[in-house]
């Protein structure tokens, strides 16, 4: 007679939480998704998962900072395009000493 092997248990999400934390620094949306998956696994296992929570927070903060950078960059490009539309093609020196090359 052989002993019955125990049924495999689901993951507690801690390893995935650490992975999510690392990923959230480079790919915020993926880090957020992995963080939520890890939190869900941890909740089912009945354990807390600090790295998953940190991944979610860092992911959202990185997403907000990225959105701000894109917005400011777009505004700057729009302003430069407006100046070039007024001045035309060529190299122009503005009153404040800034040199702008258009065209």
PDB file of N, CA and C in Angstrom:
ATOM      1  N   UNK A   1       0.822  -1.175   0.000  1.00  0.00           N
ATOM      2  CA  UNK A   1       0.000   0.000   0.000  1.00  0.00           C
ATOM      3  C   UNK A   1       0.871   1.246   0.000  1.00  0.00           C
ATOM      4  N   UNK A   2       0.470   2.257  -0.757  1.00  0.00           N
ATOM      5  CA  UNK A   2       1.237   3.494  -0.779  1.00  0.00           C
ATOM      6  C   UNK A   2       0.462   4.591  -0.081  1.00  0.00           C
ATOM      7  N   UNK A   3       1.193   5.508   0.484  1.00  0.00           N
ATOM      8  CA  UNK A   3       0.561   6.626   1.182  1.00  0.00           C
ATOM      9  C   UNK A   3       0.038   7.624   0.149  1.00  0.00           C
ATOM     10  N   UNK A   4      -1.068   8.225   0.464  1.00  0.00           N
ATOM     11  CA  UNK A   4      -1.659   9.220  -0.438  1.00  0.00           C
ATOM     12  C   UNK A   4      -0.808  10.488  -0.415  1.00  0.00           C
ATOM     13  N   UNK A   5      -0.568  11.016  -1.597  1.00  0.00           N
ATOM     14  CA  UNK A   5       0.205  12.259  -1.651  1.00  0.00           C
ATOM     15  C   UNK A   5      -0.741  13.426  -1.477  1.00  0.00           C
ATOM     16  N   UNK A   6      -0.311  14.436  -0.754  1.00  0.00           N
ATOM     17  CA  UNK A   6      -1.200  15.588  -0.542  1.00  0.00           C
ATOM     18  C   UNK A   6      -1.413  16.353  -1.841  1.00  0.00           C
ATOM     19  N   UNK A   7      -2.574  16.935  -1.948  1.00  0.00           N
ATOM     20  CA  UNK A   7      -2.894  17.730  -3.136  1.00  0.00           C
ATOM     21  C   UNK A   7      -2.021  18.975  -3.158  1.00  0.00           C
ATOM     22  N   UNK A   8      -1.536  19.373  -4.342  1.00  0.00           N
ATOM     23  CA  UNK A   8      -0.699  20.579  -4.406  1.00  0.00           C
ATOM     24  C   UNK A   8      -1.505  21.812  -4.019  1.00  0.00           C
ATOM     25  N   UNK A   9      -0.859  22.659  -3.268  1.00  0.00           N
ATOM     26  CA  UNK A   9      -1.527  23.894  -2.846  1.00  0.00           C
ATOM     27  C   UNK A   9      -1.189  25.007  -3.817  1.00  0.00           C
ATOM     28  N   UNK A  10      -2.048  26.011  -3.892  1.00  0.00           N
ATOM     29  CA  UNK A  10      -1.798  27.159  -4.758  1.00  0.00           C
ATOM     30  C   UNK A  10      -0.667  28.007  -4.204  1.00  0.00           C
ATOM     31  N   UNK A  11      -0.168  28.882  -5.025  1.00  0.00           N
ATOM     32  CA  UNK A  11       0.921  29.760  -4.617  1.00  0.00           C
ATOM     33  C   UNK A  11       0.417  30.781  -3.600  1.00  0.00           C
ATOM     34  N   UNK A  12       1.290  31.169  -2.681  1.00  0.00           N
ATOM     35  CA  UNK A  12       0.913  32.209  -1.722  1.00  0.00           C
ATOM     36  C   UNK A  12       1.159  33.608  -2.289  1.00  0.00           C
ATOM     37  N   UNK A  13       1.721  33.697  -3.501  1.00  0.00           N
ATOM     38  CA  UNK A  13       1.881  34.977  -4.182  1.00  0.00           C
ATOM     39  C   UNK A  13       3.098  35.787  -3.776  1.00  0.00           C
ATOM     40  N   UNK A  14       3.874  35.306  -2.825  1.00  0.00           N
ATOM     41  CA  UNK A  14       5.013  36.111  -2.356  1.00  0.00           C
ATOM     42  C   UNK A  14       6.100  36.257  -3.418  1.00  0.00           C
ATOM     43  N   UNK A  15       6.421  35.173  -4.122  1.00  0.00           N
ATOM     44  CA  UNK A  15       7.438  35.254  -5.178  1.00  0.00           C
ATOM     45  C   UNK A  15       6.967  36.180  -6.292  1.00  0.00           C
ATOM     46  N   UNK A  16       5.708  36.028  -6.687  1.00  0.00           N
ATOM     47  CA  UNK A  16       5.158  36.897  -7.720  1.00  0.00           C
ATOM     48  C   UNK A  16       5.126  38.352  -7.243  1.00  0.00           C
ATOM     49  N   UNK A  17       4.924  38.576  -5.962  1.00  0.00           N
ATOM     50  CA  UNK A  17       4.950  39.933  -5.412  1.00  0.00           C
ATOM     51  C   UNK A  17       6.317  40.577  -5.556  1.00  0.00           C
ATOM     52  N   UNK A  18       7.363  39.786  -5.321  1.00  0.00           N
ATOM     53  CA  UNK A  18       8.727  40.301  -5.479  1.00  0.00           C
ATOM     54  C   UNK A  18       9.015  40.592  -6.948  1.00  0.00           C
ATOM     55  N   UNK A  19       8.578  39.686  -7.826  1.00  0.00           N
ATOM     56  CA  UNK A  19       8.750  39.903  -9.265  1.00  0.00           C
ATOM     57  C   UNK A  19       8.000  41.171  -9.691  1.00  0.00           C
ATOM     58  N   UNK A  20       6.785  41.328  -9.206  1.00  0.00           N
ATOM     59  CA  UNK A  20       5.979  42.509  -9.535  1.00  0.00           C
ATOM     60  C   UNK A  20       6.660  43.792  -9.070  1.00  0.00           C
ATOM     61  N   UNK A  21       7.263  43.749  -7.897  1.00  0.00           N
ATOM     62  CA  UNK A  21       7.961  44.916  -7.370  1.00  0.00           C
ATOM     63  C   UNK A  21       9.120  45.313  -8.278  1.00  0.00           C
ATOM     64  N   UNK A  22       9.893  44.347  -8.704  1.00  0.00           N
ATOM     65  CA  UNK A  22      11.032  44.644  -9.583  1.00  0.00           C
ATOM     66  C   UNK A  22      10.537  45.154 -10.937  1.00  0.00           C
ATOM     67  N   UNK A  23       9.537  44.484 -11.500  1.00  0.00           N
ATOM     68  CA  UNK A  23       9.009  44.858 -12.817  1.00  0.00           C
ATOM     69  C   UNK A  23       8.386  46.252 -12.795  1.00  0.00           C
ATOM     70  N   UNK A  24       7.771  46.631 -11.672  1.00  0.00           N
ATOM     71  CA  UNK A  24       7.071  47.921 -11.608  1.00  0.00           C
ATOM     72  C   UNK A  24       8.007  49.116 -11.802  1.00  0.00           C
ATOM     73  N   UNK A  25       9.313  48.935 -11.548  1.00  0.00           N
ATOM     74  CA  UNK A  25      10.263  50.017 -11.771  1.00  0.00           C
ATOM     75  C   UNK A  25      10.527  50.254 -13.256  1.00  0.00           C
ATOM     76  N   UNK A  26      10.339  49.223 -14.078  1.00  0.00           N
ATOM     77  CA  UNK A  26      10.661  49.323 -15.500  1.00  0.00           C
ATOM     78  C   UNK A  26       9.429  49.361 -16.396  1.00  0.00           C
ATOM     79  N   UNK A  27       8.396  48.615 -16.036  1.00  0.00           N
ATOM     80  CA  UNK A  27       7.158  48.543 -16.814  1.00  0.00           C
ATOM     81  C   UNK A  27       5.996  48.682 -15.844  1.00  0.00           C
ATOM     82  N   UNK A  28       5.585  49.931 -15.590  1.00  0.00           N
ATOM     83  CA  UNK A  28       4.636  50.203 -14.515  1.00  0.00           C
ATOM     84  C   UNK A  28       3.315  49.456 -14.662  1.00  0.00           C
ATOM     85  N   UNK A  29       2.756  49.420 -15.862  1.00  0.00           N
ATOM     86  CA  UNK A  29       1.451  48.770 -16.031  1.00  0.00           C
ATOM     87  C   UNK A  29       1.560  47.267 -15.747  1.00  0.00           C
ATOM     88  N   UNK A  30       2.602  46.636 -16.261  1.00  0.00           N
ATOM     89  CA  UNK A  30       2.802  45.209 -16.005  1.00  0.00           C
ATOM     90  C   UNK A  30       3.037  44.951 -14.513  1.00  0.00           C
ATOM     91  N   UNK A  31       3.786  45.825 -13.866  1.00  0.00           N
ATOM     92  CA  UNK A  31       4.011  45.691 -12.423  1.00  0.00           C
ATOM     93  C   UNK A  31       2.719  45.799 -11.630  1.00  0.00           C
ATOM     94  N   UNK A  32       1.830  46.708 -12.054  1.00  0.00           N
ATOM     95  CA  UNK A  32       0.538  46.862 -11.380  1.00  0.00           C
ATOM     96  C   UNK A  32      -0.287  45.577 -11.537  1.00  0.00           C
ATOM     97  N   UNK A  33      -0.339  45.058 -12.758  1.00  0.00           N
ATOM     98  CA  UNK A  33      -1.120  43.845 -13.014  1.00  0.00           C
ATOM     99  C   UNK A  33      -0.574  42.668 -12.202  1.00  0.00           C
ATOM    100  N   UNK A  34       0.744  42.467 -12.252  1.00  0.00           N
ATOM    101  CA  UNK A  34       1.341  41.370 -11.491  1.00  0.00           C
ATOM    102  C   UNK A  34       1.132  41.562  -9.986  1.00  0.00           C
ATOM    103  N   UNK A  35       1.178  42.812  -9.533  1.00  0.00           N
ATOM    104  CA  UNK A  35       0.946  43.095  -8.123  1.00  0.00           C
ATOM    105  C   UNK A  35      -0.450  42.701  -7.681  1.00  0.00           C
ATOM    106  N   UNK A  36      -1.445  43.002  -8.513  1.00  0.00           N
ATOM    107  CA  UNK A  36      -2.815  42.623  -8.182  1.00  0.00           C
ATOM    108  C   UNK A  36      -2.998  41.101  -8.207  1.00  0.00           C
ATOM    109  N   UNK A  37      -2.363  40.426  -9.163  1.00  0.00           N
ATOM    110  CA  UNK A  37      -2.439  38.964  -9.211  1.00  0.00           C
ATOM    111  C   UNK A  37      -1.794  38.367  -7.958  1.00  0.00           C
ATOM    112  N   UNK A  38      -0.639  38.890  -7.581  1.00  0.00           N
ATOM    113  CA  UNK A  38       0.050  38.395  -6.381  1.00  0.00           C
ATOM    114  C   UNK A  38      -0.784  38.641  -5.127  1.00  0.00           C
ATOM    115  N   UNK A  39      -1.409  39.824  -5.053  1.00  0.00           N
ATOM    116  CA  UNK A  39      -2.276  40.127  -3.895  1.00  0.00           C
ATOM    117  C   UNK A  39      -3.446  39.151  -3.823  1.00  0.00           C
ATOM    118  N   UNK A  40      -3.999  38.826  -4.985  1.00  0.00           N
ATOM    119  CA  UNK A  40      -5.123  37.892  -5.034  1.00  0.00           C
ATOM    120  C   UNK A  40      -4.694  36.504  -4.555  1.00  0.00           C
ATOM    121  N   UNK A  41      -3.537  36.049  -5.007  1.00  0.00           N
ATOM    122  CA  UNK A  41      -3.032  34.747  -4.571  1.00  0.00           C
ATOM    123  C   UNK A  41      -2.770  34.742  -3.071  1.00  0.00           C
ATOM    124  N   UNK A  42      -2.213  35.832  -2.564  1.00  0.00           N
ATOM    125  CA  UNK A  42      -1.909  35.923  -1.135  1.00  0.00           C
ATOM    126  C   UNK A  42      -3.191  35.946  -0.308  1.00  0.00           C
ATOM    127  N   UNK A  43      -4.190  36.627  -0.822  1.00  0.00           N
ATOM    128  CA  UNK A  43      -5.463  36.698  -0.103  1.00  0.00           C
ATOM    129  C   UNK A  43      -6.085  35.307  -0.007  1.00  0.00           C
ATOM    130  N   UNK A  44      -6.027  34.530  -1.104  1.00  0.00           N
ATOM    131  CA  UNK A  44      -6.561  33.168  -1.088  1.00  0.00           C
ATOM    132  C   UNK A  44      -5.781  32.285  -0.122  1.00  0.00           C
ATOM    133  N   UNK A  45      -4.461  32.528  -0.006  1.00  0.00           N
ATOM    134  CA  UNK A  45      -3.616  31.739   0.897  1.00  0.00           C
ATOM    135  C   UNK A  45      -3.693  32.238   2.332  1.00  0.00           C
ATOM    136  N   UNK A  46      -4.288  33.409   2.529  1.00  0.00           N
ATOM    137  CA  UNK A  46      -4.428  33.960   3.879  1.00  0.00           C
ATOM    138  C   UNK A  46      -3.160  34.582   4.428  1.00  0.00           C
ATOM    139  N   UNK A  47      -2.311  35.098   3.555  1.00  0.00           N
ATOM    140  CA  UNK A  47      -1.070  35.750   4.006  1.00  0.00           C
ATOM    141  C   UNK A  47      -1.014  37.180   3.472  1.00  0.00           C
ATOM    142  N   UNK A  48      -0.224  37.997   4.141  1.00  0.00           N
ATOM    143  CA  UNK A  48      -0.018  39.372   3.680  1.00  0.00           C
ATOM    144  C   UNK A  48       1.124  39.381   2.669  1.00  0.00           C
ATOM    145  N   UNK A  49       1.087  40.353   1.754  1.00  0.00           N
ATOM    146  CA  UNK A  49       2.109  40.409   0.711  1.00  0.00           C
ATOM    147  C   UNK A  49       2.541  41.862   0.514  1.00  0.00           C
ATOM    148  N   UNK A  50       3.502  42.291   1.308  1.00  0.00           N
ATOM    149  CA  UNK A  50       4.006  43.662   1.241  1.00  0.00           C
ATOM    150  C   UNK A  50       4.628  44.020  -0.104  1.00  0.00           C
ATOM    151  N   UNK A  51       5.446  43.143  -0.694  1.00  0.00           N
ATOM    152  CA  UNK A  51       6.028  43.476  -1.996  1.00  0.00           C
ATOM    153  C   UNK A  51       4.982  43.709  -3.085  1.00  0.00           C
ATOM    154  N   UNK A  52       3.893  42.952  -3.055  1.00  0.00           N
ATOM    155  CA  UNK A  52       2.832  43.147  -4.054  1.00  0.00           C
ATOM    156  C   UNK A  52       2.170  44.506  -3.864  1.00  0.00           C
ATOM    157  N   UNK A  53       1.926  44.881  -2.620  1.00  0.00           N
ATOM    158  CA  UNK A  53       1.339  46.192  -2.337  1.00  0.00           C
ATOM    159  C   UNK A  53       2.280  47.299  -2.790  1.00  0.00           C
ATOM    160  N   UNK A  54       3.556  47.139  -2.500  1.00  0.00           N
ATOM    161  CA  UNK A  54       4.548  48.135  -2.924  1.00  0.00           C
ATOM    162  C   UNK A  54       4.614  48.219  -4.443  1.00  0.00           C
ATOM    163  N   UNK A  55       4.511  47.086  -5.124  1.00  0.00           N
ATOM    164  CA  UNK A  55       4.538  47.073  -6.590  1.00  0.00           C
ATOM    165  C   UNK A  55       3.364  47.852  -7.158  1.00  0.00           C
ATOM    166  N   UNK A  56       2.205  47.693  -6.556  1.00  0.00           N
ATOM    167  CA  UNK A  56       1.017  48.411  -7.026  1.00  0.00           C
ATOM    168  C   UNK A  56       1.192  49.913  -6.826  1.00  0.00           C
ATOM    169  N   UNK A  57       1.658  50.316  -5.652  1.00  0.00           N
ATOM    170  CA  UNK A  57       1.849  51.741  -5.355  1.00  0.00           C
ATOM    171  C   UNK A  57       2.914  52.343  -6.268  1.00  0.00           C
ATOM    172  N   UNK A  58       4.058  51.685  -6.382  1.00  0.00           N
ATOM    173  CA  UNK A  58       5.147  52.193  -7.227  1.00  0.00           C
ATOM    174  C   UNK A  58       4.717  52.230  -8.688  1.00  0.00           C
ATOM    175  N   UNK A  59       3.995  51.205  -9.117  1.00  0.00           N
ATOM    176  CA  UNK A  59       3.511  51.175 -10.496  1.00  0.00           C
ATOM    177  C   UNK A  59       2.618  52.355 -10.811  1.00  0.00           C
ATOM    178  N   UNK A  60       1.665  52.652  -9.906  1.00  0.00           N
ATOM    179  CA  UNK A  60       0.774  53.798 -10.137  1.00  0.00           C
ATOM    180  C   UNK A  60       1.537  55.121 -10.085  1.00  0.00           C
ATOM    181  N   UNK A  61       2.482  55.253  -9.149  1.00  0.00           N
ATOM    182  CA  UNK A  61       3.279  56.481  -9.082  1.00  0.00           C
ATOM    183  C   UNK A  61       4.105  56.670 -10.354  1.00  0.00           C
ATOM    184  N   UNK A  62       4.718  55.593 -10.840  1.00  0.00           N
ATOM    185  CA  UNK A  62       5.505  55.675 -12.070  1.00  0.00           C
ATOM    186  C   UNK A  62       4.621  56.026 -13.258  1.00  0.00           C
ATOM    187  N   UNK A  63       3.409  55.497 -13.270  1.00  0.00           N
ATOM    188  CA  UNK A  63       2.462  55.803 -14.348  1.00  0.00           C
ATOM    189  C   UNK A  63       2.084  57.284 -14.330  1.00  0.00           C
ATOM    190  N   UNK A  64       1.870  57.829 -13.147  1.00  0.00           N
ATOM    191  CA  UNK A  64       1.526  59.251 -13.016  1.00  0.00           C
ATOM    192  C   UNK A  64       2.697  60.129 -13.455  1.00  0.00           C
ATOM    193  N   UNK A  65       3.905  59.790 -12.996  1.00  0.00           N
ATOM    194  CA  UNK A  65       5.088  60.572 -13.383  1.00  0.00           C
ATOM    195  C   UNK A  65       5.292  60.516 -14.895  1.00  0.00           C
ATOM    196  N   UNK A  66       5.103  59.349 -15.490  1.00  0.00           N
ATOM    197  CA  UNK A  66       5.239  59.216 -16.943  1.00  0.00           C
ATOM    198  C   UNK A  66       4.225  60.085 -17.663  1.00  0.00           C
ATOM    199  N   UNK A  67       2.988  60.097 -17.183  1.00  0.00           N
ATOM    200  CA  UNK A  67       1.951  60.921 -17.807  1.00  0.00           C
ATOM    201  C   UNK A  67       2.297  62.407 -17.714  1.00  0.00           C
ATOM    202  N   UNK A  68       2.840  62.832 -16.579  1.00  0.00           N
ATOM    203  CA  UNK A  68       3.239  64.237 -16.414  1.00  0.00           C
ATOM    204  C   UNK A  68       4.375  64.578 -17.378  1.00  0.00           C
ATOM    205  N   UNK A  69       5.364  63.706 -17.481  1.00  0.00           N
ATOM    206  CA  UNK A  69       6.491  63.955 -18.392  1.00  0.00           C
ATOM    207  C   UNK A  69       6.013  64.044 -19.833  1.00  0.00           C
ATOM    208  N   UNK A  70       5.119  63.145 -20.229  1.00  0.00           N
ATOM    209  CA  UNK A  70       4.587  63.188 -21.591  1.00  0.00           C
ATOM    210  C   UNK A  70       3.809  64.479 -21.822  1.00  0.00           C
ATOM    211  N   UNK A  71       3.014  64.878 -20.844  1.00  0.00           N
ATOM    212  CA  UNK A  71       2.239  66.113 -20.976  1.00  0.00           C
ATOM    213  C   UNK A  71       3.116  67.345 -21.102  1.00  0.00           C
ATOM    214  N   UNK A  72       4.132  67.443 -20.268  1.00  0.00           N
ATOM    215  CA  UNK A  72       5.040  68.596 -20.313  1.00  0.00           C
ATOM    216  C   UNK A  72       5.823  68.600 -21.630  1.00  0.00           C
ATOM    217  N   UNK A  73       6.261  67.422 -22.061  1.00  0.00           N
ATOM    218  CA  UNK A  73       6.989  67.335 -23.330  1.00  0.00           C
ATOM    219  C   UNK A  73       6.110  67.747 -24.500  1.00  0.00           C
ATOM    220  N   UNK A  74       4.875  67.295 -24.501  1.00  0.00           N
ATOM    221  CA  UNK A  74       3.949  67.654 -25.580  1.00  0.00           C
ATOM    222  C   UNK A  74       3.686  69.154 -25.602  1.00  0.00           C
ATOM    223  N   UNK A  75       3.561  69.745 -24.411  1.00  0.00           N
ATOM    224  CA  UNK A  75       3.341  71.195 -24.339  1.00  0.00           C
ATOM    225  C   UNK A  75       4.565  71.944 -24.867  1.00  0.00           C
ATOM    226  N   UNK A  76       5.754  71.484 -24.530  1.00  0.00           N
ATOM    227  CA  UNK A  76       6.981  72.114 -25.012  1.00  0.00           C
ATOM    228  C   UNK A  76       7.129  71.998 -26.515  1.00  0.00           C
ATOM    229  N   UNK A  77       6.823  70.838 -27.045  1.00  0.00           N
ATOM    230  CA  UNK A  77       6.894  70.649 -28.497  1.00  0.00           C
ATOM    231  C   UNK A  77       5.864  71.522 -29.193  1.00  0.00           C
ATOM    232  N   UNK A  78       4.673  71.626 -28.603  1.00  0.00           N
ATOM    233  CA  UNK A  78       3.632  72.489 -29.165  1.00  0.00           C
ATOM    234  C   UNK A  78       4.054  73.948 -29.170  1.00  0.00           C
ATOM    235  N   UNK A  79       4.678  74.380 -28.085  1.00  0.00           N
ATOM    236  CA  UNK A  79       5.141  75.765 -27.999  1.00  0.00           C
ATOM    237  C   UNK A  79       6.241  76.026 -29.027  1.00  0.00           C
ATOM    238  N   UNK A  80       7.154  75.100 -29.201  1.00  0.00           N
ATOM    239  CA  UNK A  80       8.226  75.245 -30.177  1.00  0.00           C
ATOM    240  C   UNK A  80       7.658  75.280 -31.595  1.00  0.00           C
ATOM    241  N   UNK A  81       6.674  74.436 -31.856  1.00  0.00           N
ATOM    242  CA  UNK A  81       6.044  74.424 -33.176  1.00  0.00           C
ATOM    243  C   UNK A  81       5.354  75.753 -33.446  1.00  0.00           C
ATOM    244  N   UNK A  82       4.756  76.326 -32.420  1.00  0.00           N
ATOM    245  CA  UNK A  82       4.094  77.621 -32.561  1.00  0.00           C
ATOM    246  C   UNK A  82       5.098  78.723 -32.885  1.00  0.00           C
ATOM    247  N   UNK A  83       6.238  78.708 -32.203  1.00  0.00           N
ATOM    248  CA  UNK A  83       7.280  79.702 -32.451  1.00  0.00           C
ATOM    249  C   UNK A  83       7.815  79.546 -33.871  1.00  0.00           C
ATOM    250  N   UNK A  84       8.029  78.311 -34.295  1.00  0.00           N
ATOM    251  CA  UNK A  84       8.549  78.065 -35.646  1.00  0.00           C
ATOM    252  C   UNK A  84       7.534  78.456 -36.709  1.00  0.00           C
ATOM    253  N   UNK A  85       6.256  78.318 -36.404  1.00  0.00           N
ATOM    254  CA  UNK A  85       5.231  78.740 -37.356  1.00  0.00           C
ATOM    255  C   UNK A  85       5.294  80.249 -37.550  1.00  0.00           C
ATOM    256  N   UNK A  86       5.504  80.978 -36.465  1.00  0.00           N
ATOM    257  CA  UNK A  86       5.598  82.443 -36.538  1.00  0.00           C
ATOM    258  C   UNK A  86       6.871  82.892 -37.257  1.00  0.00           C
ATOM    259  N   UNK A  87       8.002  82.255 -36.953  1.00  0.00           N
ATOM    260  CA  UNK A  87       9.293  82.721 -37.452  1.00  0.00           C
ATOM    261  C   UNK A  87       9.642  82.184 -38.837  1.00  0.00           C
ATOM    262  N   UNK A  88       9.142  81.010 -39.195  1.00  0.00           N
ATOM    263  CA  UNK A  88       9.499  80.390 -40.464  1.00  0.00           C
ATOM    264  C   UNK A  88      10.753  79.558 -40.328  1.00  0.00           C
ATOM    265  N   UNK A  89      11.208  78.993 -41.453  1.00  0.00           N
ATOM    266  CA  UNK A  89      12.378  78.122 -41.398  1.00  0.00           C
ATOM    267  C   UNK A  89      13.662  78.929 -41.223  1.00  0.00           C
ATOM    268  N   UNK A  90      14.665  78.280 -40.654  1.00  0.00           N
ATOM    269  CA  UNK A  90      15.957  78.932 -40.453  1.00  0.00           C
ATOM    270  C   UNK A  90      16.362  78.917 -38.998  1.00  0.00           C
ATOM    271  N   UNK A  91      17.463  79.591 -38.698  1.00  0.00           N
ATOM    272  CA  UNK A  91      17.971  79.704 -37.332  1.00  0.00           C
ATOM    273  C   UNK A  91      17.631  81.098 -36.834  1.00  0.00           C
ATOM    274  N   UNK A  92      16.983  81.166 -35.671  1.00  0.00           N
ATOM    275  CA  UNK A  92      16.524  82.449 -35.124  1.00  0.00           C
ATOM    276  C   UNK A  92      17.016  82.603 -33.691  1.00  0.00           C
ATOM    277  N   UNK A  93      17.426  83.811 -33.348  1.00  0.00           N
ATOM    278  CA  UNK A  93      17.786  84.096 -31.967  1.00  0.00           C
ATOM    279  C   UNK A  93      16.665  84.921 -31.364  1.00  0.00           C
ATOM    280  N   UNK A  94      16.099  84.409 -30.265  1.00  0.00           N
ATOM    281  CA  UNK A  94      14.993  85.088 -29.605  1.00  0.00           C
ATOM    282  C   UNK A  94      15.513  86.196 -28.700  1.00  0.00           C
ATOM    283  N   UNK A  95      14.599  87.022 -28.204  1.00  0.00           N
ATOM    284  CA  UNK A  95      14.965  88.171 -27.360  1.00  0.00           C
ATOM    285  C   UNK A  95      15.667  87.767 -26.075  1.00  0.00           C
ATOM    286  N   UNK A  96      15.337  86.576 -25.572  1.00  0.00           N
ATOM    287  CA  UNK A  96      15.961  86.139 -24.307  1.00  0.00           C
ATOM    288  C   UNK A  96      17.305  85.435 -24.533  1.00  0.00           C
ATOM    289  N   UNK A  97      17.799  85.441 -25.755  1.00  0.00           N
ATOM    290  CA  UNK A  97      19.099  84.856 -26.057  1.00  0.00           C
ATOM    291  C   UNK A  97      19.052  83.403 -26.479  1.00  0.00           C
ATOM    292  N   UNK A  98      17.871  82.841 -26.540  1.00  0.00           N
ATOM    293  CA  UNK A  98      17.717  81.440 -26.942  1.00  0.00           C
ATOM    294  C   UNK A  98      17.777  81.332 -28.460  1.00  0.00           C
ATOM    295  N   UNK A  99      18.506  80.356 -28.962  1.00  0.00           N
ATOM    296  CA  UNK A  99      18.581  80.117 -30.391  1.00  0.00           C
ATOM    297  C   UNK A  99      17.618  78.984 -30.752  1.00  0.00           C
ATOM    298  N   UNK A 100      16.786  79.219 -31.771  1.00  0.00           N
ATOM    299  CA  UNK A 100      15.806  78.241 -32.209  1.00  0.00           C
ATOM    300  C   UNK A 100      16.068  77.928 -33.681  1.00  0.00           C
ATOM    301  N   UNK A 101      16.178  76.637 -33.983  1.00  0.00           N
ATOM    302  CA  UNK A 101      16.336  76.217 -35.373  1.00  0.00           C
ATOM    303  C   UNK A 101      15.019  75.594 -35.835  1.00  0.00           C
ATOM    304  N   UNK A 102      14.441  76.153 -36.882  1.00  0.00           N
ATOM    305  CA  UNK A 102      13.161  75.670 -37.400  1.00  0.00           C
ATOM    306  C   UNK A 102      13.345  75.129 -38.816  1.00  0.00           C
ATOM    307  N   UNK A 103      12.615  74.078 -39.095  1.00  0.00           N
ATOM    308  CA  UNK A 103      12.544  73.610 -40.468  1.00  0.00           C
ATOM    309  C   UNK A 103      13.379  72.470 -40.743  1.00  0.00           C
TER     310      UNK A 103
END
